[in-house]
Amino acid sequence: GAEHGILIRGGEALETAHKITTVVFDKTGTLTKGKPEVTDIIDLDKEKNTLKYSAIAEKGSEHPLGDAIINEAKKREISIPEGTNFKAISGKGVQVRYLSKNILLGNRKLMEDNNIDISNINSKISELEEQGKTVMILSANKRLSGLIAVADTLKENSRSAVYRLQKMGKEVV
């Protein structure tokens, strides 16, 4: 068991293991990778720069969700130039200037505070959030540009492990 990351405190636990009827998992790092990844990129304008602009905005950030965006841009070999006037807006998102664009990346409140209408994409945002994803809204020069969703994704074997436990008659929570 130890070779597979299973730690058992004593023999008594092994002796009673056959009586287990329910297995409870905490999600983060157990069933998931414990590291956020970009899951969805939705371009809302013809420029199709949602990932690039999001990465520029997050380049000055130290937030784990920002790291996920930067890593995705690097994975796709998208260059991430430096923005200027980076500003983290607590609880809402980030703001940065790039070339002639004022870029905002954040939540609904950030968009509302900057008079950016998101009513036409609220249902898409809600749909992604219902899937357990964190959605960031991108705007460039006060125009809605895109959505980027990030989530802690499942480990490769999580589904099959849960399925096997269920097949054994165990309740999985």
N, C-alpha and C. Protein backbone atom coordinates (compact mmCIF):
# COMPACT_ATOMS: atom_id res chain seq x y z
N GLY A 1 0.81 -1.20 0.00
CA GLY A 1 0.00 0.00 0.00
C GLY A 1 0.84 1.26 0.00
N ALA A 2 1.91 1.27 0.81
CA ALA A 2 2.76 2.46 0.91
C ALA A 2 3.37 2.81 -0.44
N GLU A 3 3.69 1.80 -1.24
CA GLU A 3 4.25 2.04 -2.57
C GLU A 3 3.26 2.77 -3.48
N HIS A 4 1.98 2.68 -3.16
CA HIS A 4 0.94 3.33 -3.95
C HIS A 4 0.36 4.55 -3.25
N GLY A 5 1.05 5.04 -2.23
CA GLY A 5 0.61 6.25 -1.53
C GLY A 5 -0.49 6.01 -0.52
N ILE A 6 -0.70 4.77 -0.10
CA ILE A 6 -1.73 4.46 0.89
C ILE A 6 -1.05 4.28 2.24
N LEU A 7 -1.42 5.13 3.16
CA LEU A 7 -0.83 5.05 4.50
C LEU A 7 -1.86 4.51 5.48
N ILE A 8 -1.49 3.50 6.25
CA ILE A 8 -2.38 2.87 7.22
C ILE A 8 -1.73 2.95 8.58
N ARG A 9 -2.44 3.48 9.55
CA ARG A 9 -1.87 3.70 10.88
C ARG A 9 -1.61 2.43 11.67
N GLY A 10 -2.45 1.46 11.51
CA GLY A 10 -2.25 0.25 12.30
C GLY A 10 -3.04 -0.92 11.75
N GLY A 11 -2.79 -2.08 12.31
CA GLY A 11 -3.43 -3.31 11.86
C GLY A 11 -4.93 -3.32 12.04
N GLU A 12 -5.42 -2.62 13.06
CA GLU A 12 -6.86 -2.62 13.34
C GLU A 12 -7.65 -2.06 12.15
N ALA A 13 -7.10 -1.04 11.49
CA ALA A 13 -7.78 -0.46 10.33
C ALA A 13 -7.93 -1.50 9.22
N LEU A 14 -6.90 -2.29 9.02
CA LEU A 14 -6.97 -3.34 8.00
C LEU A 14 -7.98 -4.41 8.37
N GLU A 15 -8.02 -4.74 9.64
CA GLU A 15 -8.92 -5.79 10.10
C GLU A 15 -10.39 -5.41 9.92
N THR A 16 -10.70 -4.11 10.01
CA THR A 16 -12.10 -3.67 9.89
C THR A 16 -12.44 -3.12 8.51
N ALA A 17 -11.46 -3.04 7.61
CA ALA A 17 -11.68 -2.46 6.28
C ALA A 17 -12.80 -3.15 5.51
N HIS A 18 -12.98 -4.43 5.70
CA HIS A 18 -14.02 -5.15 4.94
C HIS A 18 -15.43 -4.69 5.31
N LYS A 19 -15.57 -3.96 6.43
CA LYS A 19 -16.90 -3.47 6.86
C LYS A 19 -17.25 -2.12 6.23
N ILE A 20 -16.35 -1.53 5.50
CA ILE A 20 -16.59 -0.21 4.91
C ILE A 20 -17.74 -0.27 3.92
N THR A 21 -18.70 0.66 4.08
CA THR A 21 -19.83 0.73 3.16
C THR A 21 -19.81 2.03 2.35
N THR A 22 -19.10 3.04 2.87
CA THR A 22 -19.07 4.35 2.21
C THR A 22 -17.64 4.87 2.19
N VAL A 23 -17.26 5.43 1.04
CA VAL A 23 -15.94 6.06 0.90
C VAL A 23 -16.18 7.54 0.61
N VAL A 24 -15.58 8.41 1.43
CA VAL A 24 -15.74 9.85 1.26
C VAL A 24 -14.41 10.43 0.80
N PHE A 25 -14.43 11.12 -0.34
CA PHE A 25 -13.23 11.76 -0.87
C PHE A 25 -13.33 13.27 -0.69
N ASP A 26 -12.23 13.90 -0.34
CA ASP A 26 -12.18 15.34 -0.54
C ASP A 26 -11.72 15.50 -1.97
N LYS A 27 -12.17 16.53 -2.65
CA LYS A 27 -11.95 16.63 -4.08
C LYS A 27 -10.53 17.08 -4.43
N THR A 28 -10.11 18.20 -3.89
CA THR A 28 -8.87 18.83 -4.32
C THR A 28 -7.65 18.00 -3.98
N GLY A 29 -6.94 17.59 -5.01
CA GLY A 29 -5.71 16.84 -4.83
C GLY A 29 -5.92 15.35 -4.61
N THR A 30 -7.14 14.93 -4.37
CA THR A 30 -7.42 13.50 -4.21
C THR A 30 -7.97 12.95 -5.51
N LEU A 31 -9.10 13.47 -5.93
CA LEU A 31 -9.67 13.07 -7.21
C LEU A 31 -9.21 14.01 -8.33
N THR A 32 -8.78 15.21 -7.97
CA THR A 32 -8.32 16.17 -8.96
C THR A 32 -6.81 16.32 -8.87
N LYS A 33 -6.26 17.00 -9.86
CA LYS A 33 -4.81 17.19 -9.92
C LYS A 33 -4.30 18.17 -8.87
N GLY A 34 -5.20 18.98 -8.31
CA GLY A 34 -4.79 19.96 -7.31
C GLY A 34 -4.12 21.17 -7.94
N LYS A 35 -4.27 21.31 -9.23
CA LYS A 35 -3.65 22.43 -9.96
C LYS A 35 -4.63 22.89 -11.04
N PRO A 36 -5.09 24.14 -10.97
CA PRO A 36 -6.06 24.62 -11.97
C PRO A 36 -5.50 24.58 -13.39
N GLU A 37 -6.39 24.31 -14.33
CA GLU A 37 -6.05 24.31 -15.76
C GLU A 37 -7.15 25.02 -16.53
N VAL A 38 -6.78 25.61 -17.66
CA VAL A 38 -7.76 26.25 -18.54
C VAL A 38 -8.59 25.13 -19.17
N THR A 39 -9.91 25.27 -19.09
CA THR A 39 -10.81 24.27 -19.67
C THR A 39 -11.58 24.79 -20.87
N ASP A 40 -11.85 26.09 -20.91
CA ASP A 40 -12.64 26.68 -22.00
C ASP A 40 -12.09 28.05 -22.35
N ILE A 41 -12.03 28.32 -23.64
CA ILE A 41 -11.68 29.65 -24.15
C ILE A 41 -12.75 30.01 -25.16
N ILE A 42 -13.47 31.10 -24.89
CA ILE A 42 -14.56 31.50 -25.78
C ILE A 42 -14.27 32.91 -26.28
N ASP A 43 -13.95 33.01 -27.57
CA ASP A 43 -13.71 34.31 -28.19
C ASP A 43 -15.04 34.94 -28.56
N LEU A 44 -15.22 36.20 -28.17
CA LEU A 44 -16.47 36.89 -28.46
C LEU A 44 -16.30 38.00 -29.49
N ASP A 45 -15.09 38.17 -30.00
CA ASP A 45 -14.88 39.14 -31.07
C ASP A 45 -14.02 38.51 -32.16
N LYS A 46 -13.92 39.20 -33.28
CA LYS A 46 -13.22 38.60 -34.42
C LYS A 46 -11.70 38.54 -34.25
N GLU A 47 -11.15 39.28 -33.28
CA GLU A 47 -9.70 39.25 -33.06
C GLU A 47 -9.20 37.90 -32.56
N LYS A 48 -10.02 37.20 -31.81
CA LYS A 48 -9.68 35.88 -31.26
C LYS A 48 -8.38 35.92 -30.44
N ASN A 49 -8.29 36.92 -29.57
CA ASN A 49 -7.10 37.08 -28.73
C ASN A 49 -7.40 36.83 -27.25
N THR A 50 -8.45 36.10 -26.96
CA THR A 50 -8.85 35.91 -25.56
C THR A 50 -7.72 35.34 -24.72
N LEU A 51 -7.08 34.27 -25.18
CA LEU A 51 -6.01 33.66 -24.39
C LEU A 51 -4.80 34.60 -24.29
N LYS A 52 -4.42 35.20 -25.39
CA LYS A 52 -3.25 36.10 -25.39
C LYS A 52 -3.48 37.28 -24.45
N TYR A 53 -4.60 37.96 -24.58
CA TYR A 53 -4.86 39.12 -23.73
C TYR A 53 -5.02 38.72 -22.26
N SER A 54 -5.62 37.56 -22.03
CA SER A 54 -5.76 37.08 -20.65
C SER A 54 -4.40 36.79 -20.04
N ALA A 55 -3.51 36.22 -20.84
CA ALA A 55 -2.15 35.93 -20.36
C ALA A 55 -1.37 37.22 -20.10
N ILE A 56 -1.53 38.21 -20.97
CA ILE A 56 -0.88 39.51 -20.74
C ILE A 56 -1.38 40.10 -19.43
N ALA A 57 -2.69 40.04 -19.21
CA ALA A 57 -3.27 40.59 -17.99
C ALA A 57 -2.77 39.86 -16.75
N GLU A 58 -2.61 38.54 -16.85
CA GLU A 58 -2.23 37.74 -15.69
C GLU A 58 -0.71 37.65 -15.49
N LYS A 59 0.06 38.16 -16.43
CA LYS A 59 1.52 38.07 -16.35
C LYS A 59 2.05 38.72 -15.08
N GLY A 60 1.42 39.79 -14.63
CA GLY A 60 1.88 40.46 -13.42
C GLY A 60 1.26 39.92 -12.15
N SER A 61 0.37 38.96 -12.29
CA SER A 61 -0.35 38.39 -11.16
C SER A 61 0.40 37.19 -10.60
N GLU A 62 0.12 36.87 -9.36
CA GLU A 62 0.71 35.66 -8.76
C GLU A 62 -0.39 34.70 -8.33
N HIS A 63 -1.56 34.85 -8.91
CA HIS A 63 -2.72 34.04 -8.57
C HIS A 63 -2.63 32.69 -9.28
N PRO A 64 -3.02 31.57 -8.63
CA PRO A 64 -2.97 30.26 -9.28
C PRO A 64 -3.80 30.18 -10.56
N LEU A 65 -4.92 30.91 -10.62
CA LEU A 65 -5.72 30.91 -11.84
C LEU A 65 -4.97 31.61 -12.96
N GLY A 66 -4.22 32.65 -12.59
CA GLY A 66 -3.38 33.34 -13.57
C GLY A 66 -2.30 32.43 -14.10
N ASP A 67 -1.72 31.63 -13.20
CA ASP A 67 -0.69 30.67 -13.63
C ASP A 67 -1.25 29.69 -14.65
N ALA A 68 -2.50 29.27 -14.45
CA ALA A 68 -3.13 28.34 -15.38
C ALA A 68 -3.25 28.96 -16.77
N ILE A 69 -3.60 30.23 -16.82
CA ILE A 69 -3.75 30.94 -18.10
C ILE A 69 -2.39 31.09 -18.78
N ILE A 70 -1.39 31.50 -18.02
CA ILE A 70 -0.03 31.67 -18.57
C ILE A 70 0.48 30.32 -19.10
N ASN A 71 0.29 29.26 -18.33
CA ASN A 71 0.75 27.93 -18.75
C ASN A 71 0.06 27.48 -20.04
N GLU A 72 -1.23 27.78 -20.17
CA GLU A 72 -1.96 27.39 -21.38
C GLU A 72 -1.44 28.17 -22.59
N ALA A 73 -1.17 29.45 -22.40
CA ALA A 73 -0.62 30.26 -23.51
C ALA A 73 0.75 29.72 -23.93
N LYS A 74 1.58 29.40 -22.96
CA LYS A 74 2.91 28.85 -23.28
C LYS A 74 2.78 27.51 -24.00
N LYS A 75 1.85 26.68 -23.53
CA LYS A 75 1.64 25.37 -24.15
C LYS A 75 1.24 25.52 -25.61
N ARG A 76 0.49 26.57 -25.92
CA ARG A 76 0.05 26.82 -27.30
C ARG A 76 1.03 27.71 -28.06
N GLU A 77 2.17 27.97 -27.43
CA GLU A 77 3.25 28.78 -28.03
C GLU A 77 2.78 30.17 -28.44
N ILE A 78 1.97 30.78 -27.56
CA ILE A 78 1.51 32.15 -27.76
C ILE A 78 2.48 33.06 -27.00
N SER A 79 3.03 34.04 -27.71
CA SER A 79 3.94 34.96 -27.02
C SER A 79 3.13 35.84 -26.07
N ILE A 80 3.74 36.15 -24.93
CA ILE A 80 3.06 36.94 -23.91
C ILE A 80 3.88 38.21 -23.66
N PRO A 81 3.60 39.28 -24.42
CA PRO A 81 4.34 40.52 -24.21
C PRO A 81 4.00 41.15 -22.86
N GLU A 82 4.84 42.08 -22.44
CA GLU A 82 4.60 42.80 -21.19
C GLU A 82 3.52 43.85 -21.39
N GLY A 83 2.62 43.92 -20.44
CA GLY A 83 1.67 45.01 -20.40
C GLY A 83 2.23 46.09 -19.50
N THR A 84 1.53 47.19 -19.41
CA THR A 84 1.96 48.27 -18.50
C THR A 84 0.80 48.61 -17.57
N ASN A 85 1.10 49.33 -16.53
CA ASN A 85 0.10 49.79 -15.57
C ASN A 85 -0.72 48.64 -14.99
N PHE A 86 -0.07 47.53 -14.69
CA PHE A 86 -0.78 46.39 -14.09
C PHE A 86 -1.39 46.81 -12.75
N LYS A 87 -2.63 46.39 -12.54
CA LYS A 87 -3.30 46.69 -11.29
C LYS A 87 -4.19 45.51 -10.90
N ALA A 88 -3.93 44.96 -9.72
CA ALA A 88 -4.82 43.91 -9.19
C ALA A 88 -5.96 44.60 -8.47
N ILE A 89 -7.17 44.19 -8.76
CA ILE A 89 -8.35 44.78 -8.15
C ILE A 89 -8.95 43.71 -7.23
N SER A 90 -8.73 43.87 -5.96
CA SER A 90 -9.05 42.85 -4.96
C SER A 90 -10.47 42.32 -5.09
N GLY A 91 -10.57 41.00 -5.19
CA GLY A 91 -11.86 40.33 -5.26
C GLY A 91 -12.58 40.46 -6.58
N LYS A 92 -11.93 41.10 -7.56
CA LYS A 92 -12.62 41.33 -8.83
C LYS A 92 -11.82 40.89 -10.05
N GLY A 93 -10.50 41.14 -10.06
CA GLY A 93 -9.71 40.78 -11.23
C GLY A 93 -8.49 41.64 -11.39
N VAL A 94 -8.09 41.83 -12.63
CA VAL A 94 -6.89 42.61 -12.94
C VAL A 94 -7.15 43.54 -14.10
N GLN A 95 -6.30 44.56 -14.18
CA GLN A 95 -6.37 45.53 -15.25
C GLN A 95 -4.95 45.75 -15.74
N VAL A 96 -4.77 45.89 -17.05
CA VAL A 96 -3.45 46.14 -17.62
C VAL A 96 -3.61 46.89 -18.94
N ARG A 97 -2.61 47.60 -19.31
CA ARG A 97 -2.60 48.30 -20.60
C ARG A 97 -1.64 47.55 -21.52
N TYR A 98 -2.08 47.30 -22.74
CA TYR A 98 -1.23 46.67 -23.74
C TYR A 98 -1.47 47.36 -25.07
N LEU A 99 -0.39 47.92 -25.65
CA LEU A 99 -0.49 48.74 -26.85
C LEU A 99 -1.55 49.82 -26.60
N SER A 100 -2.57 49.88 -27.42
CA SER A 100 -3.59 50.92 -27.21
C SER A 100 -4.81 50.38 -26.49
N LYS A 101 -4.68 49.21 -25.89
CA LYS A 101 -5.85 48.57 -25.27
C LYS A 101 -5.78 48.61 -23.75
N ASN A 102 -6.91 48.94 -23.16
CA ASN A 102 -7.07 48.83 -21.71
C ASN A 102 -7.79 47.50 -21.49
N ILE A 103 -7.06 46.54 -20.91
CA ILE A 103 -7.59 45.18 -20.75
C ILE A 103 -8.05 44.96 -19.32
N LEU A 104 -9.24 44.43 -19.20
CA LEU A 104 -9.79 44.01 -17.90
C LEU A 104 -10.04 42.52 -17.97
N LEU A 105 -9.67 41.81 -16.91
CA LEU A 105 -9.93 40.37 -16.83
C LEU A 105 -10.40 40.09 -15.41
N GLY A 106 -11.62 39.61 -15.30
CA GLY A 106 -12.13 39.34 -13.96
C GLY A 106 -13.56 38.88 -13.95
N ASN A 107 -14.22 39.16 -12.82
CA ASN A 107 -15.56 38.64 -12.61
C ASN A 107 -16.64 39.64 -13.04
N ARG A 108 -17.89 39.25 -12.80
CA ARG A 108 -19.03 40.10 -13.16
C ARG A 108 -18.94 41.49 -12.53
N LYS A 109 -18.53 41.51 -11.27
CA LYS A 109 -18.46 42.79 -10.53
C LYS A 109 -17.47 43.75 -11.19
N LEU A 110 -16.35 43.23 -11.65
CA LEU A 110 -15.37 44.08 -12.34
C LEU A 110 -15.97 44.69 -13.59
N MET A 111 -16.71 43.87 -14.34
CA MET A 111 -17.35 44.37 -15.56
C MET A 111 -18.43 45.40 -15.23
N GLU A 112 -19.21 45.11 -14.20
CA GLU A 112 -20.26 46.04 -13.78
C GLU A 112 -19.67 47.38 -13.35
N ASP A 113 -18.60 47.33 -12.57
CA ASP A 113 -17.94 48.56 -12.10
C ASP A 113 -17.40 49.39 -13.25
N ASN A 114 -17.14 48.76 -14.38
CA ASN A 114 -16.58 49.46 -15.54
C ASN A 114 -17.60 49.65 -16.66
N ASN A 115 -18.89 49.49 -16.30
CA ASN A 115 -20.00 49.70 -17.24
C ASN A 115 -19.88 48.88 -18.52
N ILE A 116 -19.50 47.61 -18.35
CA ILE A 116 -19.42 46.71 -19.49
C ILE A 116 -20.60 45.74 -19.39
N ASP A 117 -21.45 45.78 -20.40
CA ASP A 117 -22.66 44.97 -20.41
C ASP A 117 -22.34 43.52 -20.74
N ILE A 118 -22.69 42.62 -19.82
CA ILE A 118 -22.44 41.19 -20.05
C ILE A 118 -23.76 40.40 -20.11
N SER A 119 -24.87 41.10 -20.22
CA SER A 119 -26.18 40.44 -20.18
C SER A 119 -26.33 39.36 -21.26
N ASN A 120 -25.70 39.57 -22.42
CA ASN A 120 -25.86 38.59 -23.50
C ASN A 120 -25.02 37.32 -23.29
N ILE A 121 -24.12 37.31 -22.29
CA ILE A 121 -23.32 36.11 -22.05
C ILE A 121 -23.52 35.54 -20.65
N ASN A 122 -24.43 36.13 -19.88
CA ASN A 122 -24.67 35.65 -18.52
C ASN A 122 -25.05 34.18 -18.47
N SER A 123 -25.85 33.71 -19.42
CA SER A 123 -26.26 32.31 -19.39
C SER A 123 -25.07 31.38 -19.66
N LYS A 124 -24.16 31.79 -20.54
CA LYS A 124 -22.97 30.98 -20.82
C LYS A 124 -22.06 30.94 -19.60
N ILE A 125 -21.91 32.07 -18.93
CA ILE A 125 -21.10 32.13 -17.71
C ILE A 125 -21.69 31.19 -16.66
N SER A 126 -23.00 31.27 -16.47
CA SER A 126 -23.68 30.41 -15.49
C SER A 126 -23.53 28.94 -15.83
N GLU A 127 -23.62 28.62 -17.11
CA GLU A 127 -23.47 27.23 -17.55
C GLU A 127 -22.08 26.69 -17.18
N LEU A 128 -21.06 27.48 -17.42
CA LEU A 128 -19.69 27.06 -17.08
C LEU A 128 -19.50 26.96 -15.57
N GLU A 129 -20.08 27.90 -14.84
CA GLU A 129 -19.97 27.87 -13.38
C GLU A 129 -20.67 26.66 -12.79
N GLU A 130 -21.79 26.26 -13.38
CA GLU A 130 -22.51 25.08 -12.90
C GLU A 130 -21.69 23.80 -13.10
N GLN A 131 -20.71 23.86 -13.99
CA GLN A 131 -19.80 22.73 -14.21
C GLN A 131 -18.61 22.78 -13.25
N GLY A 132 -18.64 23.72 -12.30
CA GLY A 132 -17.58 23.83 -11.31
C GLY A 132 -16.38 24.62 -11.78
N LYS A 133 -16.55 25.40 -12.82
CA LYS A 133 -15.43 26.16 -13.39
C LYS A 133 -15.47 27.60 -12.89
N THR A 134 -14.29 28.20 -12.78
CA THR A 134 -14.19 29.62 -12.47
C THR A 134 -14.08 30.34 -13.80
N VAL A 135 -14.99 31.27 -14.03
CA VAL A 135 -15.05 31.97 -15.32
C VAL A 135 -14.52 33.38 -15.15
N MET A 136 -13.61 33.76 -16.05
CA MET A 136 -13.10 35.12 -16.08
C MET A 136 -13.55 35.77 -17.38
N ILE A 137 -13.99 37.00 -17.26
CA ILE A 137 -14.52 37.75 -18.40
C ILE A 137 -13.43 38.71 -18.85
N LEU A 138 -13.23 38.77 -20.16
CA LEU A 138 -12.19 39.64 -20.73
C LEU A 138 -12.85 40.77 -21.49
N SER A 139 -12.34 41.97 -21.25
CA SER A 139 -12.79 43.11 -22.04
C SER A 139 -11.55 43.90 -22.46
N ALA A 140 -11.63 44.44 -23.68
CA ALA A 140 -10.56 45.30 -24.20
C ALA A 140 -11.21 46.59 -24.67
N ASN A 141 -10.74 47.70 -24.11
CA ASN A 141 -11.30 49.02 -24.43
C ASN A 141 -12.81 49.06 -24.27
N LYS A 142 -13.27 48.53 -23.14
CA LYS A 142 -14.69 48.55 -22.76
C LYS A 142 -15.58 47.68 -23.65
N ARG A 143 -14.97 46.84 -24.49
CA ARG A 143 -15.75 45.93 -25.33
C ARG A 143 -15.52 44.51 -24.85
N LEU A 144 -16.60 43.77 -24.71
CA LEU A 144 -16.54 42.38 -24.30
C LEU A 144 -15.74 41.60 -25.35
N SER A 145 -14.70 40.88 -24.90
CA SER A 145 -13.82 40.19 -25.85
C SER A 145 -13.85 38.68 -25.74
N GLY A 146 -14.06 38.16 -24.52
CA GLY A 146 -14.04 36.72 -24.40
C GLY A 146 -14.25 36.23 -22.99
N LEU A 147 -14.33 34.92 -22.87
CA LEU A 147 -14.45 34.24 -21.58
C LEU A 147 -13.34 33.21 -21.52
N ILE A 148 -12.80 33.02 -20.34
CA ILE A 148 -11.83 31.96 -20.13
C ILE A 148 -12.20 31.27 -18.83
N ALA A 149 -12.33 29.95 -18.88
CA ALA A 149 -12.75 29.18 -17.71
C ALA A 149 -11.59 28.31 -17.24
N VAL A 150 -11.47 28.21 -15.92
CA VAL A 150 -10.39 27.46 -15.30
C VAL A 150 -11.00 26.54 -14.25
N ALA A 151 -10.45 25.34 -14.15
CA ALA A 151 -10.94 24.40 -13.13
C ALA A 151 -9.81 23.47 -12.73
N ASP A 152 -9.97 22.90 -11.55
CA ASP A 152 -9.08 21.85 -11.09
C ASP A 152 -9.60 20.56 -11.71
N THR A 153 -8.88 20.02 -12.68
CA THR A 153 -9.38 18.90 -13.46
C THR A 153 -9.11 17.56 -12.78
N LEU A 154 -9.92 16.58 -13.15
CA LEU A 154 -9.79 15.24 -12.57
C LEU A 154 -8.49 14.57 -12.96
N LYS A 155 -7.95 13.78 -12.04
CA LYS A 155 -6.81 12.92 -12.37
C LYS A 155 -7.29 11.87 -13.36
N GLU A 156 -6.36 11.32 -14.11
CA GLU A 156 -6.68 10.36 -15.17
C GLU A 156 -7.46 9.14 -14.65
N ASN A 157 -7.16 8.67 -13.45
CA ASN A 157 -7.76 7.43 -12.95
C ASN A 157 -8.95 7.65 -12.01
N SER A 158 -9.34 8.88 -11.76
CA SER A 158 -10.40 9.15 -10.77
C SER A 158 -11.73 8.51 -11.14
N ARG A 159 -12.15 8.68 -12.38
CA ARG A 159 -13.44 8.11 -12.80
C ARG A 159 -13.46 6.60 -12.62
N SER A 160 -12.40 5.94 -13.07
CA SER A 160 -12.39 4.48 -12.98
C SER A 160 -12.30 4.02 -11.53
N ALA A 161 -11.59 4.75 -10.68
CA ALA A 161 -11.50 4.37 -9.26
C ALA A 161 -12.87 4.47 -8.60
N VAL A 162 -13.59 5.56 -8.86
CA VAL A 162 -14.93 5.73 -8.28
C VAL A 162 -15.86 4.64 -8.83
N TYR A 163 -15.78 4.39 -10.11
CA TYR A 163 -16.61 3.35 -10.73
C TYR A 163 -16.35 1.98 -10.11
N ARG A 164 -15.08 1.65 -9.90
CA ARG A 164 -14.75 0.34 -9.32
C ARG A 164 -15.27 0.22 -7.90
N LEU A 165 -15.19 1.30 -7.14
CA LEU A 165 -15.73 1.28 -5.77
C LEU A 165 -17.24 1.07 -5.81
N GLN A 166 -17.91 1.78 -6.72
CA GLN A 166 -19.36 1.62 -6.83
C GLN A 166 -19.73 0.21 -7.26
N LYS A 167 -18.94 -0.35 -8.15
CA LYS A 167 -19.20 -1.71 -8.62
C LYS A 167 -19.04 -2.72 -7.47
N MET A 168 -18.20 -2.37 -6.49
CA MET A 168 -18.01 -3.22 -5.32
C MET A 168 -19.14 -3.05 -4.31
N GLY A 169 -20.10 -2.16 -4.65
CA GLY A 169 -21.24 -1.94 -3.75
C GLY A 169 -21.00 -0.87 -2.71
N LYS A 170 -19.95 -0.07 -2.88
CA LYS A 170 -19.65 1.00 -1.92
C LYS A 170 -20.31 2.28 -2.37
N GLU A 171 -20.81 3.03 -1.39
CA GLU A 171 -21.34 4.36 -1.68
C GLU A 171 -20.14 5.31 -1.74
N VAL A 172 -20.09 6.15 -2.77
CA VAL A 172 -18.98 7.09 -2.93
C VAL A 172 -19.51 8.50 -2.79
N VAL A 173 -18.89 9.25 -1.88
CA VAL A 173 -19.28 10.64 -1.66
C VAL A 173 -18.08 11.52 -1.93
